[in-house]
Amino acid sequence: MKEKLIHFLQIFLPLILGGIVGFLIQGSMDFESLNKPLFAPPKLLFPIAWTILYLLMGIAYYLYRKDFNSQKTIILHYVQLGINLLWPIFFFIFKIRVFSAVWIILLLLSILLLTSWYYKQKKICAYLLIPYILWTIFAAYLNIGIVILN
């Protein structure tokens, strides 16, 4: 039973924590009132995208942990998750948009590093993070565009 709980948490912890952050920022979201760059998606797309990305992140981590136990990779997984979870708090609650732009670049670098470590040990885990990388690049574009346009 304990092992099943651990596997459940490995897969779903990013989604659970992302949901908590989503709940916390709900009253502070001002995305619709901001001037946005070209290709800014409707607000509805964000929770759908993040649900998928958090699940892919959790599945990658679960598959990695089935075969490997590198402490640096495990730590980096949680560090990048922490950086990820703090970004919407900085952007929406504290509205420190320039800092958020720098923070999201830090997030992207941490994801790229984690992906490269996964690739060396278990390639499927790295492949599962490709949508996360692409979405984070797009989110960085949006964040920087919002800084410039507002």
C-alpha atoms as a PDB file:
ATOM      1  CA  MET A   1       0.000   0.000   0.000  1.00  0.00           C
ATOM      2  CA  LYS A   2       2.809   2.409   0.905  1.00  0.00           C
ATOM      3  CA  GLU A   3       4.524   1.717  -2.430  1.00  0.00           C
ATOM      4  CA  LYS A   4       1.318   2.490  -4.354  1.00  0.00           C
ATOM      5  CA  LEU A   5       0.960   5.782  -2.481  1.00  0.00           C
ATOM      6  CA  ILE A   6       4.554   6.693  -3.354  1.00  0.00           C
ATOM      7  CA  HIS A   7       3.922   5.913  -7.044  1.00  0.00           C
ATOM      8  CA  PHE A   8       0.683   7.920  -6.947  1.00  0.00           C
ATOM      9  CA  LEU A   9       2.492  10.914  -5.467  1.00  0.00           C
ATOM     10  CA  GLN A  10       5.369  10.639  -7.930  1.00  0.00           C
ATOM     11  CA  ILE A  11       2.880  10.965 -10.773  1.00  0.00           C
ATOM     12  CA  PHE A  12       0.264  13.321  -9.333  1.00  0.00           C
ATOM     13  CA  LEU A  13       2.172  15.587  -6.902  1.00  0.00           C
ATOM     14  CA  PRO A  14       2.939  18.201  -9.589  1.00  0.00           C
ATOM     15  CA  LEU A  15      -0.744  18.285 -10.566  1.00  0.00           C
ATOM     16  CA  ILE A  16      -1.913  18.486  -6.945  1.00  0.00           C
ATOM     17  CA  LEU A  17       0.504  21.303  -6.105  1.00  0.00           C
ATOM     18  CA  GLY A  18      -0.286  23.099  -9.362  1.00  0.00           C
ATOM     19  CA  GLY A  19      -3.978  22.890  -8.478  1.00  0.00           C
ATOM     20  CA  ILE A  20      -3.310  24.402  -5.066  1.00  0.00           C
ATOM     21  CA  VAL A  21      -1.369  27.280  -6.629  1.00  0.00           C
ATOM     22  CA  GLY A  22      -4.147  27.741  -9.190  1.00  0.00           C
ATOM     23  CA  PHE A  23      -6.639  28.017  -6.350  1.00  0.00           C
ATOM     24  CA  LEU A  24      -4.419  30.522  -4.505  1.00  0.00           C
ATOM     25  CA  ILE A  25      -3.991  32.822  -7.503  1.00  0.00           C
ATOM     26  CA  GLN A  26      -7.590  32.568  -8.705  1.00  0.00           C
ATOM     27  CA  GLY A  27      -8.680  35.912  -7.263  1.00  0.00           C
ATOM     28  CA  SER A  28      -5.564  37.727  -8.483  1.00  0.00           C
ATOM     29  CA  MET A  29      -5.585  36.735 -12.134  1.00  0.00           C
ATOM     30  CA  ASP A  30      -5.692  39.832 -14.303  1.00  0.00           C
ATOM     31  CA  PHE A  31      -4.646  38.223 -17.588  1.00  0.00           C
ATOM     32  CA  GLU A  32      -7.717  39.464 -19.469  1.00  0.00           C
ATOM     33  CA  SER A  33      -7.057  43.098 -18.537  1.00  0.00           C
ATOM     34  CA  LEU A  34      -3.431  43.107 -19.700  1.00  0.00           C
ATOM     35  CA  ASN A  35      -2.146  44.121 -23.105  1.00  0.00           C
ATOM     36  CA  LYS A  36      -0.871  40.859 -24.572  1.00  0.00           C
ATOM     37  CA  PRO A  37       1.477  40.028 -27.440  1.00  0.00           C
ATOM     38  CA  LEU A  38       0.361  38.327 -30.638  1.00  0.00           C
ATOM     39  CA  PHE A  39      -0.700  34.698 -30.327  1.00  0.00           C
ATOM     40  CA  ALA A  40      -1.769  35.054 -26.697  1.00  0.00           C
ATOM     41  CA  PRO A  41      -4.229  32.195 -26.158  1.00  0.00           C
ATOM     42  CA  PRO A  42      -7.578  32.479 -24.392  1.00  0.00           C
ATOM     43  CA  LYS A  43      -7.503  32.172 -20.621  1.00  0.00           C
ATOM     44  CA  LEU A  44      -9.285  28.808 -20.851  1.00  0.00           C
ATOM     45  CA  LEU A  45      -6.251  27.149 -22.467  1.00  0.00           C
ATOM     46  CA  PHE A  46      -3.934  27.632 -19.483  1.00  0.00           C
ATOM     47  CA  PRO A  47      -5.506  25.186 -16.988  1.00  0.00           C
ATOM     48  CA  ILE A  48      -5.862  22.572 -19.729  1.00  0.00           C
ATOM     49  CA  ALA A  49      -2.238  22.955 -20.808  1.00  0.00           C
ATOM     50  CA  TRP A  50      -0.890  22.916 -17.261  1.00  0.00           C
ATOM     51  CA  THR A  51      -2.922  19.849 -16.323  1.00  0.00           C
ATOM     52  CA  ILE A  52      -1.339  17.950 -19.198  1.00  0.00           C
ATOM     53  CA  LEU A  53       2.132  19.314 -18.479  1.00  0.00           C
ATOM     54  CA  TYR A  54       1.998  18.511 -14.765  1.00  0.00           C
ATOM     55  CA  LEU A  55       0.895  14.964 -15.578  1.00  0.00           C
ATOM     56  CA  LEU A  56       3.706  14.524 -18.115  1.00  0.00           C
ATOM     57  CA  MET A  57       6.166  15.872 -15.551  1.00  0.00           C
ATOM     58  CA  GLY A  58       4.888  13.423 -12.939  1.00  0.00           C
ATOM     59  CA  ILE A  59       4.936  10.462 -15.342  1.00  0.00           C
ATOM     60  CA  ALA A  60       8.510  11.291 -16.378  1.00  0.00           C
ATOM     61  CA  TYR A  61       9.577  11.434 -12.736  1.00  0.00           C
ATOM     62  CA  TYR A  62       7.766   8.173 -11.926  1.00  0.00           C
ATOM     63  CA  LEU A  63       9.399   6.361 -14.857  1.00  0.00           C
ATOM     64  CA  TYR A  64      12.789   7.746 -13.877  1.00  0.00           C
ATOM     65  CA  ARG A  65      12.424   6.636 -10.240  1.00  0.00           C
ATOM     66  CA  LYS A  66      11.458   3.103 -11.282  1.00  0.00           C
ATOM     67  CA  ASP A  67      15.003   2.556 -12.554  1.00  0.00           C
ATOM     68  CA  PHE A  68      17.242   5.287 -11.129  1.00  0.00           C
ATOM     69  CA  ASN A  69      17.946   7.026  -7.844  1.00  0.00           C
ATOM     70  CA  SER A  70      20.332   9.868  -8.692  1.00  0.00           C
ATOM     71  CA  GLN A  71      20.003  12.398  -5.877  1.00  0.00           C
ATOM     72  CA  LYS A  72      20.996  15.330  -8.093  1.00  0.00           C
ATOM     73  CA  THR A  73      18.256  14.460 -10.600  1.00  0.00           C
ATOM     74  CA  ILE A  74      15.661  13.987  -7.860  1.00  0.00           C
ATOM     75  CA  ILE A  75      16.631  17.299  -6.261  1.00  0.00           C
ATOM     76  CA  LEU A  76      16.526  19.095  -9.614  1.00  0.00           C
ATOM     77  CA  HIS A  77      13.063  17.676 -10.307  1.00  0.00           C
ATOM     78  CA  TYR A  78      11.775  19.247  -7.086  1.00  0.00           C
ATOM     79  CA  VAL A  79      13.741  22.477  -7.547  1.00  0.00           C
ATOM     80  CA  GLN A  80      12.286  23.056 -11.014  1.00  0.00           C
ATOM     81  CA  LEU A  81       8.837  22.177  -9.677  1.00  0.00           C
ATOM     82  CA  GLY A  82       9.284  24.760  -6.908  1.00  0.00           C
ATOM     83  CA  ILE A  83      10.439  27.393  -9.403  1.00  0.00           C
ATOM     84  CA  ASN A  84       7.416  26.510 -11.551  1.00  0.00           C
ATOM     85  CA  LEU A  85       4.958  26.840  -8.679  1.00  0.00           C
ATOM     86  CA  LEU A  86       6.352  30.196  -7.572  1.00  0.00           C
ATOM     87  CA  TRP A  87       6.102  31.847 -11.000  1.00  0.00           C
ATOM     88  CA  PRO A  88       2.300  32.394 -11.001  1.00  0.00           C
ATOM     89  CA  ILE A  89       2.508  33.733  -7.450  1.00  0.00           C
ATOM     90  CA  PHE A  90       5.094  36.314  -8.513  1.00  0.00           C
ATOM     91  CA  PHE A  91       3.230  37.137 -11.729  1.00  0.00           C
ATOM     92  CA  PHE A  92      -0.388  37.225 -10.574  1.00  0.00           C
ATOM     93  CA  ILE A  93      -0.426  37.827  -6.811  1.00  0.00           C
ATOM     94  CA  PHE A  94       2.609  40.096  -6.398  1.00  0.00           C
ATOM     95  CA  LYS A  95       2.428  41.434  -9.986  1.00  0.00           C
ATOM     96  CA  ILE A  96       6.219  41.701 -10.228  1.00  0.00           C
ATOM     97  CA  ARG A  97       6.222  41.094 -13.945  1.00  0.00           C
ATOM     98  CA  VAL A  98       9.855  41.947 -14.769  1.00  0.00           C
ATOM     99  CA  PHE A  99      11.054  39.661 -11.982  1.00  0.00           C
ATOM    100  CA  SER A 100       8.622  37.017 -13.251  1.00  0.00           C
ATOM    101  CA  ALA A 101      10.227  37.240 -16.693  1.00  0.00           C
ATOM    102  CA  VAL A 102      13.635  36.570 -15.187  1.00  0.00           C
ATOM    103  CA  TRP A 103      12.149  33.812 -13.016  1.00  0.00           C
ATOM    104  CA  ILE A 104      10.594  32.023 -15.999  1.00  0.00           C
ATOM    105  CA  ILE A 105      13.982  32.034 -17.764  1.00  0.00           C
ATOM    106  CA  LEU A 106      15.401  30.400 -14.634  1.00  0.00           C
ATOM    107  CA  LEU A 107      12.574  27.864 -14.847  1.00  0.00           C
ATOM    108  CA  LEU A 108      13.373  27.144 -18.489  1.00  0.00           C
ATOM    109  CA  LEU A 109      17.052  26.616 -17.685  1.00  0.00           C
ATOM    110  CA  SER A 110      16.187  24.230 -14.842  1.00  0.00           C
ATOM    111  CA  ILE A 111      13.840  22.252 -17.129  1.00  0.00           C
ATOM    112  CA  LEU A 112      16.512  22.039 -19.825  1.00  0.00           C
ATOM    113  CA  LEU A 113      19.053  20.806 -17.292  1.00  0.00           C
ATOM    114  CA  LEU A 114      16.633  18.209 -15.909  1.00  0.00           C
ATOM    115  CA  THR A 115      15.774  17.093 -19.432  1.00  0.00           C
ATOM    116  CA  SER A 116      19.441  16.644 -20.296  1.00  0.00           C
ATOM    117  CA  TRP A 117      19.998  14.571 -17.140  1.00  0.00           C
ATOM    118  CA  TYR A 118      16.952  12.449 -17.938  1.00  0.00           C
ATOM    119  CA  TYR A 119      18.198  12.001 -21.500  1.00  0.00           C
ATOM    120  CA  LYS A 120      21.499  10.569 -20.264  1.00  0.00           C
ATOM    121  CA  GLN A 121      19.766   7.997 -18.054  1.00  0.00           C
ATOM    122  CA  LYS A 122      16.296   7.312 -19.482  1.00  0.00           C
ATOM    123  CA  LYS A 123      15.430   8.996 -22.770  1.00  0.00           C
ATOM    124  CA  ILE A 124      11.641   8.556 -22.543  1.00  0.00           C
ATOM    125  CA  CYS A 125      11.637  10.799 -19.470  1.00  0.00           C
ATOM    126  CA  ALA A 126      13.372  13.534 -21.456  1.00  0.00           C
ATOM    127  CA  TYR A 127      10.942  13.160 -24.351  1.00  0.00           C
ATOM    128  CA  LEU A 128       8.001  13.553 -21.963  1.00  0.00           C
ATOM    129  CA  LEU A 129       9.340  16.987 -20.959  1.00  0.00           C
ATOM    130  CA  ILE A 130       9.508  18.363 -24.516  1.00  0.00           C
ATOM    131  CA  PRO A 131       5.946  19.815 -24.376  1.00  0.00           C
ATOM    132  CA  TYR A 132       6.847  21.399 -21.015  1.00  0.00           C
ATOM    133  CA  ILE A 133       9.915  23.030 -22.569  1.00  0.00           C
ATOM    134  CA  LEU A 134       7.918  24.324 -25.535  1.00  0.00           C
ATOM    135  CA  TRP A 135       5.118  25.671 -23.334  1.00  0.00           C
ATOM    136  CA  THR A 136       7.609  27.363 -21.004  1.00  0.00           C
ATOM    137  CA  ILE A 137       9.272  29.062 -23.987  1.00  0.00           C
ATOM    138  CA  PHE A 138       5.819  30.264 -25.071  1.00  0.00           C
ATOM    139  CA  ALA A 139       4.997  31.385 -21.511  1.00  0.00           C
ATOM    140  CA  ALA A 140       8.293  33.304 -21.386  1.00  0.00           C
ATOM    141  CA  TYR A 141       7.356  35.004 -24.665  1.00  0.00           C
ATOM    142  CA  LEU A 142       3.984  35.967 -23.161  1.00  0.00           C
ATOM    143  CA  ASN A 143       5.542  37.189 -19.917  1.00  0.00           C
ATOM    144  CA  ILE A 144       8.148  39.297 -21.715  1.00  0.00           C
ATOM    145  CA  GLY A 145       5.515  40.605 -24.146  1.00  0.00           C
ATOM    146  CA  ILE A 146       3.274  41.628 -21.259  1.00  0.00           C
ATOM    147  CA  VAL A 147       6.191  43.442 -19.616  1.00  0.00           C
ATOM    148  CA  ILE A 148       6.889  45.347 -22.833  1.00  0.00           C
ATOM    149  CA  LEU A 149       3.255  46.137 -23.641  1.00  0.00           C
ATOM    150  CA  ASN A 150       2.166  47.180 -20.162  1.00  0.00           C
END
